[in-house]
Every structure is written in C-alpha cells, then in structure tokens.
Amino acid sequence: MDNELPDSPGSTARVLDRLATTIESRLPNNGGNPDASYVARMLHRGPDAFLKKIGEEATEVVMAAKDVDAAVAAGGASLEGARDKLVGEVADLWFHCLVALAHYGLKPSDVTDELARREGTGGIEEKALRKAILRENA
C-alpha cells in the first residue's frame, strides 16, 4: 500500500481520511450511537476512555517491538509473526489517536501538515527550536 500514489484509494492519506470520516460520524454531535458503535461508546464516555486506550495501545506497541527485537536476536524464526503483531498494535494505536483527533476537532491532515513542517529539520535542531519558542512565549 505504501507504493500507492498519494491520491489513490489505497494511499496512506486516503485510508486515514476515510477512517477519520467514519470516526467523526460517531461523534455525539453527529448522532453517534453508543449502543451500536465502539467508537461512539468511547466518545460518549469522554476523553478518559480513549486516552486510556491510547496509553494501553502505546504500551502494547513497545511490547510488540521488543518481541521483534527478540525474534531477530533468536535468529528470526518467529520474525514474521512478531512483525505482524507490531503492525497490528501500531494500527490499534493510530486508530485510537484518530478517535482523539476527532474528539478535539482535528484531522489526520493536521498531523501530516505538522510532520511536513518538520521535514528536513534535524530532530535535535527541531527540539531546540521548540524549546526556544516556548521560552519566548512564556
């Protein structure tokens, strides 16, 4: 899928946008039914529900990544399964982050715009710049 053109149906941006649209349709203000939808139920319960899930999923991503490292160290016999598990856990994390974005009135494009803004800036340089901006605004 990552070889797809940016505007093709299978492109990462298109998949995230379609998923975000579905999630937004589950918002309480859009008639999301907590009895019929997992997302609507989380949104109905409020930020603590989906923020807790983000924390849980982030931990599961770390554990799955450690399993990939262990598989590599063991000679790679179980590497494919470990990598598949990591992909699944990252998908869960991204999904719950999309729920949070929708709750806060944001879209995947807000995140990709920020990543594009940072593109080409070294991580150390970018972090120092953010700290300088925070000091200026304090």
N, C-alpha and C. Protein backbone atom coordinates (compact mmCIF):
# COMPACT_ATOMS: atom_id res chain seq x y z
N MET A 1 0.83 -1.20 0.00
CA MET A 1 0.00 0.00 0.00
C MET A 1 0.87 1.25 0.00
N ASP A 2 2.05 1.22 0.59
CA ASP A 2 2.87 2.41 0.65
C ASP A 2 3.43 2.81 -0.72
N ASN A 3 3.28 1.95 -1.74
CA ASN A 3 3.71 2.29 -3.08
C ASN A 3 2.62 3.00 -3.87
N GLU A 4 1.47 3.17 -3.26
CA GLU A 4 0.33 3.79 -3.94
C GLU A 4 0.59 5.29 -4.16
N LEU A 5 -0.02 5.83 -5.21
CA LEU A 5 0.05 7.26 -5.44
C LEU A 5 -0.72 7.98 -4.34
N PRO A 6 -0.31 9.22 -3.98
CA PRO A 6 -0.94 9.92 -2.86
C PRO A 6 -2.46 10.05 -2.95
N ASP A 7 -3.02 10.12 -4.16
CA ASP A 7 -4.46 10.29 -4.26
C ASP A 7 -5.18 9.01 -4.66
N SER A 8 -4.49 7.87 -4.64
CA SER A 8 -5.15 6.61 -4.96
C SER A 8 -5.92 6.11 -3.74
N PRO A 9 -6.95 5.27 -3.95
CA PRO A 9 -7.78 4.81 -2.84
C PRO A 9 -7.01 4.10 -1.74
N GLY A 10 -5.87 3.47 -2.07
CA GLY A 10 -5.11 2.74 -1.07
C GLY A 10 -3.99 3.53 -0.43
N SER A 11 -3.86 4.81 -0.78
CA SER A 11 -2.77 5.59 -0.20
C SER A 11 -2.99 5.78 1.30
N THR A 12 -1.90 5.94 2.00
CA THR A 12 -1.97 6.12 3.45
C THR A 12 -2.89 7.28 3.81
N ALA A 13 -2.73 8.40 3.12
CA ALA A 13 -3.55 9.58 3.43
C ALA A 13 -5.03 9.30 3.20
N ARG A 14 -5.35 8.61 2.09
CA ARG A 14 -6.75 8.31 1.80
C ARG A 14 -7.34 7.37 2.84
N VAL A 15 -6.58 6.35 3.25
CA VAL A 15 -7.07 5.41 4.25
C VAL A 15 -7.33 6.15 5.56
N LEU A 16 -6.39 6.97 5.98
CA LEU A 16 -6.56 7.72 7.23
C LEU A 16 -7.75 8.68 7.13
N ASP A 17 -7.89 9.34 6.00
CA ASP A 17 -9.01 10.27 5.82
C ASP A 17 -10.36 9.55 5.86
N ARG A 18 -10.45 8.39 5.20
CA ARG A 18 -11.71 7.63 5.22
C ARG A 18 -12.03 7.17 6.64
N LEU A 19 -11.03 6.67 7.33
CA LEU A 19 -11.23 6.22 8.70
C LEU A 19 -11.64 7.39 9.59
N ALA A 20 -10.97 8.53 9.43
CA ALA A 20 -11.31 9.72 10.22
C ALA A 20 -12.75 10.16 9.96
N THR A 21 -13.19 10.09 8.73
CA THR A 21 -14.57 10.46 8.38
C THR A 21 -15.56 9.54 9.10
N THR A 22 -15.26 8.25 9.10
CA THR A 22 -16.12 7.30 9.81
C THR A 22 -16.14 7.60 11.30
N ILE A 23 -14.98 7.84 11.87
CA ILE A 23 -14.90 8.14 13.31
C ILE A 23 -15.67 9.42 13.62
N GLU A 24 -15.50 10.45 12.80
CA GLU A 24 -16.22 11.72 13.02
C GLU A 24 -17.73 11.50 12.98
N SER A 25 -18.19 10.56 12.17
CA SER A 25 -19.63 10.30 12.10
C SER A 25 -20.15 9.69 13.40
N ARG A 26 -19.25 9.19 14.23
CA ARG A 26 -19.64 8.59 15.51
C ARG A 26 -19.62 9.59 16.67
N LEU A 27 -19.20 10.82 16.40
CA LEU A 27 -19.20 11.84 17.45
C LEU A 27 -20.62 12.06 17.96
N PRO A 28 -20.78 12.33 19.25
CA PRO A 28 -22.12 12.55 19.80
C PRO A 28 -22.91 13.62 19.04
N ASN A 29 -22.24 14.71 18.65
CA ASN A 29 -22.93 15.79 17.92
C ASN A 29 -23.37 15.36 16.52
N ASN A 30 -22.81 14.27 16.03
CA ASN A 30 -23.18 13.75 14.71
C ASN A 30 -24.12 12.56 14.82
N GLY A 31 -24.64 12.32 16.00
CA GLY A 31 -25.61 11.25 16.20
C GLY A 31 -25.02 9.88 16.48
N GLY A 32 -23.74 9.84 16.87
CA GLY A 32 -23.11 8.56 17.18
C GLY A 32 -23.87 7.84 18.28
N ASN A 33 -24.19 6.58 18.05
CA ASN A 33 -24.99 5.79 18.98
C ASN A 33 -24.07 4.90 19.81
N PRO A 34 -23.91 5.19 21.12
CA PRO A 34 -23.02 4.40 21.96
C PRO A 34 -23.47 2.94 22.12
N ASP A 35 -24.72 2.65 21.83
CA ASP A 35 -25.20 1.27 21.92
C ASP A 35 -24.86 0.46 20.68
N ALA A 36 -24.49 1.16 19.59
CA ALA A 36 -24.26 0.48 18.33
C ALA A 36 -22.82 0.58 17.83
N SER A 37 -22.00 1.39 18.49
CA SER A 37 -20.66 1.65 17.96
C SER A 37 -19.64 1.74 19.09
N TYR A 38 -18.55 1.00 18.94
CA TYR A 38 -17.44 1.06 19.89
C TYR A 38 -16.89 2.48 19.98
N VAL A 39 -16.68 3.13 18.85
CA VAL A 39 -16.15 4.49 18.83
C VAL A 39 -17.11 5.45 19.51
N ALA A 40 -18.39 5.36 19.17
CA ALA A 40 -19.39 6.24 19.80
C ALA A 40 -19.42 6.03 21.30
N ARG A 41 -19.27 4.79 21.74
CA ARG A 41 -19.26 4.48 23.17
C ARG A 41 -18.06 5.15 23.85
N MET A 42 -16.89 5.04 23.25
CA MET A 42 -15.70 5.70 23.82
C MET A 42 -15.88 7.21 23.87
N LEU A 43 -16.37 7.77 22.77
CA LEU A 43 -16.57 9.22 22.71
C LEU A 43 -17.62 9.67 23.72
N HIS A 44 -18.66 8.87 23.89
CA HIS A 44 -19.71 9.17 24.86
C HIS A 44 -19.16 9.18 26.28
N ARG A 45 -18.23 8.26 26.56
CA ARG A 45 -17.64 8.17 27.89
C ARG A 45 -16.69 9.33 28.18
N GLY A 46 -16.21 9.99 27.15
CA GLY A 46 -15.34 11.14 27.32
C GLY A 46 -13.87 10.82 27.14
N PRO A 47 -13.05 11.86 27.21
CA PRO A 47 -11.62 11.71 26.91
C PRO A 47 -10.90 10.64 27.72
N ASP A 48 -11.26 10.46 28.98
CA ASP A 48 -10.55 9.45 29.77
C ASP A 48 -10.61 8.08 29.12
N ALA A 49 -11.72 7.75 28.48
CA ALA A 49 -11.88 6.42 27.87
C ALA A 49 -10.90 6.21 26.73
N PHE A 50 -10.86 7.15 25.78
CA PHE A 50 -9.97 6.92 24.64
C PHE A 50 -8.52 7.27 24.97
N LEU A 51 -8.28 8.17 25.90
CA LEU A 51 -6.90 8.47 26.29
C LEU A 51 -6.28 7.28 27.01
N LYS A 52 -7.07 6.59 27.82
CA LYS A 52 -6.60 5.38 28.47
C LYS A 52 -6.24 4.33 27.42
N LYS A 53 -7.09 4.19 26.40
CA LYS A 53 -6.81 3.22 25.33
C LYS A 53 -5.53 3.59 24.59
N ILE A 54 -5.29 4.87 24.38
CA ILE A 54 -4.05 5.28 23.71
C ILE A 54 -2.85 4.85 24.54
N GLY A 55 -2.92 5.05 25.86
CA GLY A 55 -1.82 4.62 26.72
C GLY A 55 -1.62 3.11 26.68
N GLU A 56 -2.71 2.37 26.71
CA GLU A 56 -2.62 0.91 26.64
C GLU A 56 -2.02 0.46 25.32
N GLU A 57 -2.51 1.04 24.24
CA GLU A 57 -2.01 0.65 22.92
C GLU A 57 -0.55 1.03 22.74
N ALA A 58 -0.13 2.18 23.27
CA ALA A 58 1.27 2.58 23.17
C ALA A 58 2.16 1.57 23.89
N THR A 59 1.71 1.11 25.04
CA THR A 59 2.46 0.09 25.78
C THR A 59 2.54 -1.20 24.97
N GLU A 60 1.43 -1.58 24.33
CA GLU A 60 1.42 -2.79 23.52
C GLU A 60 2.34 -2.66 22.31
N VAL A 61 2.48 -1.45 21.76
CA VAL A 61 3.42 -1.23 20.67
C VAL A 61 4.85 -1.48 21.16
N VAL A 62 5.17 -0.95 22.33
CA VAL A 62 6.51 -1.15 22.89
C VAL A 62 6.78 -2.64 23.09
N MET A 63 5.82 -3.34 23.67
CA MET A 63 6.00 -4.78 23.92
C MET A 63 6.15 -5.55 22.61
N ALA A 64 5.37 -5.21 21.60
CA ALA A 64 5.47 -5.88 20.31
C ALA A 64 6.81 -5.59 19.64
N ALA A 65 7.30 -4.37 19.77
CA ALA A 65 8.60 -4.02 19.20
C ALA A 65 9.70 -4.82 19.89
N LYS A 66 9.59 -4.97 21.19
CA LYS A 66 10.56 -5.79 21.93
C LYS A 66 10.51 -7.24 21.44
N ASP A 67 9.33 -7.74 21.10
CA ASP A 67 9.20 -9.09 20.57
C ASP A 67 9.90 -9.22 19.22
N VAL A 68 9.84 -8.17 18.39
CA VAL A 68 10.57 -8.19 17.12
C VAL A 68 12.06 -8.26 17.39
N ASP A 69 12.54 -7.44 18.33
CA ASP A 69 13.96 -7.48 18.69
C ASP A 69 14.36 -8.88 19.16
N ALA A 70 13.53 -9.50 19.99
CA ALA A 70 13.82 -10.84 20.50
C ALA A 70 13.84 -11.86 19.36
N ALA A 71 12.93 -11.72 18.41
CA ALA A 71 12.88 -12.64 17.28
C ALA A 71 14.15 -12.51 16.43
N VAL A 72 14.59 -11.28 16.22
CA VAL A 72 15.82 -11.05 15.46
C VAL A 72 17.01 -11.69 16.20
N ALA A 73 17.09 -11.45 17.51
CA ALA A 73 18.19 -11.99 18.31
C ALA A 73 18.19 -13.52 18.31
N ALA A 74 17.00 -14.10 18.17
CA ALA A 74 16.88 -15.56 18.19
C ALA A 74 17.08 -16.18 16.81
N GLY A 75 17.46 -15.40 15.86
CA GLY A 75 17.72 -15.93 14.53
C GLY A 75 16.59 -15.74 13.54
N GLY A 76 15.53 -15.07 13.94
CA GLY A 76 14.48 -14.70 13.01
C GLY A 76 13.41 -15.73 12.73
N ALA A 77 13.40 -16.85 13.46
CA ALA A 77 12.41 -17.89 13.18
C ALA A 77 10.98 -17.39 13.34
N SER A 78 10.73 -16.56 14.32
CA SER A 78 9.37 -16.05 14.56
C SER A 78 9.24 -14.58 14.18
N LEU A 79 10.15 -14.11 13.33
CA LEU A 79 10.18 -12.69 12.98
C LEU A 79 8.92 -12.22 12.26
N GLU A 80 8.43 -13.00 11.30
CA GLU A 80 7.25 -12.57 10.54
C GLU A 80 6.05 -12.36 11.46
N GLY A 81 5.80 -13.31 12.35
CA GLY A 81 4.69 -13.17 13.28
C GLY A 81 4.86 -11.99 14.22
N ALA A 82 6.09 -11.76 14.67
CA ALA A 82 6.36 -10.64 15.56
C ALA A 82 6.16 -9.31 14.84
N ARG A 83 6.58 -9.26 13.59
CA ARG A 83 6.39 -8.02 12.80
C ARG A 83 4.91 -7.77 12.54
N ASP A 84 4.17 -8.84 12.23
CA ASP A 84 2.73 -8.71 12.03
C ASP A 84 2.05 -8.18 13.29
N LYS A 85 2.48 -8.68 14.45
CA LYS A 85 1.91 -8.23 15.73
C LYS A 85 2.22 -6.74 15.93
N LEU A 86 3.44 -6.32 15.62
CA LEU A 86 3.81 -4.91 15.75
C LEU A 86 2.94 -4.04 14.85
N VAL A 87 2.75 -4.46 13.62
CA VAL A 87 1.90 -3.69 12.70
C VAL A 87 0.48 -3.58 13.25
N GLY A 88 -0.05 -4.68 13.76
CA GLY A 88 -1.40 -4.66 14.33
C GLY A 88 -1.51 -3.73 15.53
N GLU A 89 -0.50 -3.73 16.38
CA GLU A 89 -0.54 -2.86 17.56
C GLU A 89 -0.41 -1.39 17.17
N VAL A 90 0.44 -1.11 16.18
CA VAL A 90 0.54 0.28 15.71
C VAL A 90 -0.78 0.72 15.08
N ALA A 91 -1.43 -0.18 14.35
CA ALA A 91 -2.74 0.15 13.78
C ALA A 91 -3.74 0.48 14.89
N ASP A 92 -3.73 -0.30 15.96
CA ASP A 92 -4.63 -0.01 17.10
C ASP A 92 -4.31 1.36 17.70
N LEU A 93 -3.02 1.66 17.85
CA LEU A 93 -2.62 2.95 18.41
C LEU A 93 -3.06 4.09 17.50
N TRP A 94 -2.80 3.97 16.21
CA TRP A 94 -3.20 5.01 15.27
C TRP A 94 -4.71 5.21 15.31
N PHE A 95 -5.45 4.11 15.35
CA PHE A 95 -6.91 4.19 15.37
C PHE A 95 -7.38 5.01 16.58
N HIS A 96 -6.87 4.69 17.75
CA HIS A 96 -7.32 5.40 18.95
C HIS A 96 -6.84 6.85 18.95
N CYS A 97 -5.69 7.11 18.33
CA CYS A 97 -5.25 8.50 18.16
C CYS A 97 -6.20 9.25 17.22
N LEU A 98 -6.71 8.58 16.20
CA LEU A 98 -7.69 9.21 15.31
C LEU A 98 -8.97 9.55 16.07
N VAL A 99 -9.36 8.70 17.02
CA VAL A 99 -10.53 8.99 17.85
C VAL A 99 -10.27 10.27 18.65
N ALA A 100 -9.07 10.38 19.23
CA ALA A 100 -8.73 11.59 19.99
C ALA A 100 -8.74 12.82 19.10
N LEU A 101 -8.15 12.71 17.92
CA LEU A 101 -8.15 13.85 16.99
C LEU A 101 -9.57 14.29 16.69
N ALA A 102 -10.45 13.35 16.40
CA ALA A 102 -11.84 13.69 16.08
C ALA A 102 -12.50 14.40 17.26
N HIS A 103 -12.28 13.88 18.46
CA HIS A 103 -12.88 14.49 19.66
C HIS A 103 -12.44 15.94 19.80
N TYR A 104 -11.19 16.22 19.49
CA TYR A 104 -10.65 17.56 19.65
C TYR A 104 -10.78 18.42 18.39
N GLY A 105 -11.57 17.94 17.43
CA GLY A 105 -11.84 18.73 16.23
C GLY A 105 -10.67 18.81 15.26
N LEU A 106 -9.82 17.80 15.29
CA LEU A 106 -8.65 17.78 14.41
C LEU A 106 -8.77 16.64 13.41
N LYS A 107 -7.94 16.68 12.39
CA LYS A 107 -7.95 15.68 11.32
C LYS A 107 -6.55 15.12 11.11
N PRO A 108 -6.44 13.97 10.46
CA PRO A 108 -5.11 13.44 10.16
C PRO A 108 -4.23 14.45 9.41
N SER A 109 -4.84 15.28 8.57
CA SER A 109 -4.07 16.27 7.82
C SER A 109 -3.40 17.28 8.75
N ASP A 110 -3.97 17.53 9.92
CA ASP A 110 -3.31 18.42 10.87
C ASP A 110 -1.98 17.82 11.33
N VAL A 111 -1.97 16.51 11.51
CA VAL A 111 -0.74 15.83 11.93
C VAL A 111 0.24 15.75 10.76
N THR A 112 -0.25 15.39 9.58
CA THR A 112 0.67 15.29 8.44
C THR A 112 1.22 16.67 8.06
N ASP A 113 0.43 17.72 8.23
CA ASP A 113 0.93 19.08 7.98
C ASP A 113 2.07 19.40 8.94
N GLU A 114 1.91 19.01 10.20
CA GLU A 114 2.97 19.25 11.19
C GLU A 114 4.22 18.44 10.85
N LEU A 115 4.02 17.18 10.44
CA LEU A 115 5.18 16.37 10.05
C LEU A 115 5.88 16.98 8.83
N ALA A 116 5.11 17.48 7.88
CA ALA A 116 5.69 18.12 6.70
C ALA A 116 6.45 19.38 7.09
N ARG A 117 5.92 20.11 8.05
CA ARG A 117 6.60 21.32 8.51
C ARG A 117 7.96 20.97 9.12
N ARG A 118 8.01 19.85 9.83
CA ARG A 118 9.25 19.42 10.48
C ARG A 118 10.22 18.72 9.53
N GLU A 119 9.71 18.27 8.39
CA GLU A 119 10.53 17.50 7.46
C GLU A 119 11.76 18.30 7.05
N GLY A 120 12.90 17.64 7.08
CA GLY A 120 14.14 18.30 6.69
C GLY A 120 14.83 19.02 7.82
N THR A 121 14.18 19.07 8.97
CA THR A 121 14.79 19.68 10.15
C THR A 121 15.27 18.55 11.03
N GLY A 122 16.52 18.60 11.42
CA GLY A 122 17.06 17.56 12.29
C GLY A 122 16.32 17.54 13.61
N GLY A 123 16.19 16.34 14.20
CA GLY A 123 15.45 16.18 15.45
C GLY A 123 16.01 17.03 16.58
N ILE A 124 17.31 17.07 16.72
CA ILE A 124 17.91 17.88 17.79
C ILE A 124 17.64 19.35 17.54
N GLU A 125 17.81 19.77 16.29
CA GLU A 125 17.56 21.16 15.92
C GLU A 125 16.09 21.53 16.13
N GLU A 126 15.18 20.64 15.72
CA GLU A 126 13.74 20.91 15.85
C GLU A 126 13.35 21.03 17.31
N LYS A 127 13.87 20.14 18.15
CA LYS A 127 13.54 20.18 19.58
C LYS A 127 14.08 21.47 20.21
N ALA A 128 15.27 21.87 19.86
CA ALA A 128 15.84 23.12 20.39
C ALA A 128 15.00 24.31 19.95
N LEU A 129 14.52 24.29 18.72
CA LEU A 129 13.68 25.38 18.22
C LEU A 129 12.38 25.46 19.00
N ARG A 130 11.75 24.28 19.27
CA ARG A 130 10.51 24.27 20.05
C ARG A 130 10.75 24.84 21.45
N LYS A 131 11.86 24.48 22.07
CA LYS A 131 12.18 24.99 23.41
C LYS A 131 12.36 26.51 23.38
N ALA A 132 13.03 27.03 22.34
CA ALA A 132 13.23 28.47 22.21
C ALA A 132 11.90 29.18 22.05
N ILE A 133 11.02 28.63 21.26
CA ILE A 133 9.69 29.22 21.05
C ILE A 133 8.91 29.22 22.37
N LEU A 134 8.99 28.14 23.11
CA LEU A 134 8.30 28.09 24.42
C LEU A 134 8.84 29.15 25.37
N ARG A 135 10.15 29.35 25.37
CA ARG A 135 10.76 30.38 26.24
C ARG A 135 10.28 31.76 25.83
N GLU A 136 10.20 32.02 24.52
CA GLU A 136 9.74 33.31 24.03
C GLU A 136 8.29 33.59 24.42
N ASN A 137 7.47 32.54 24.41
CA ASN A 137 6.05 32.70 24.71
C ASN A 137 5.74 32.67 26.19
N ALA A 138 6.73 32.38 27.01
CA ALA A 138 6.49 32.26 28.47
C ALA A 138 6.43 33.62 29.13
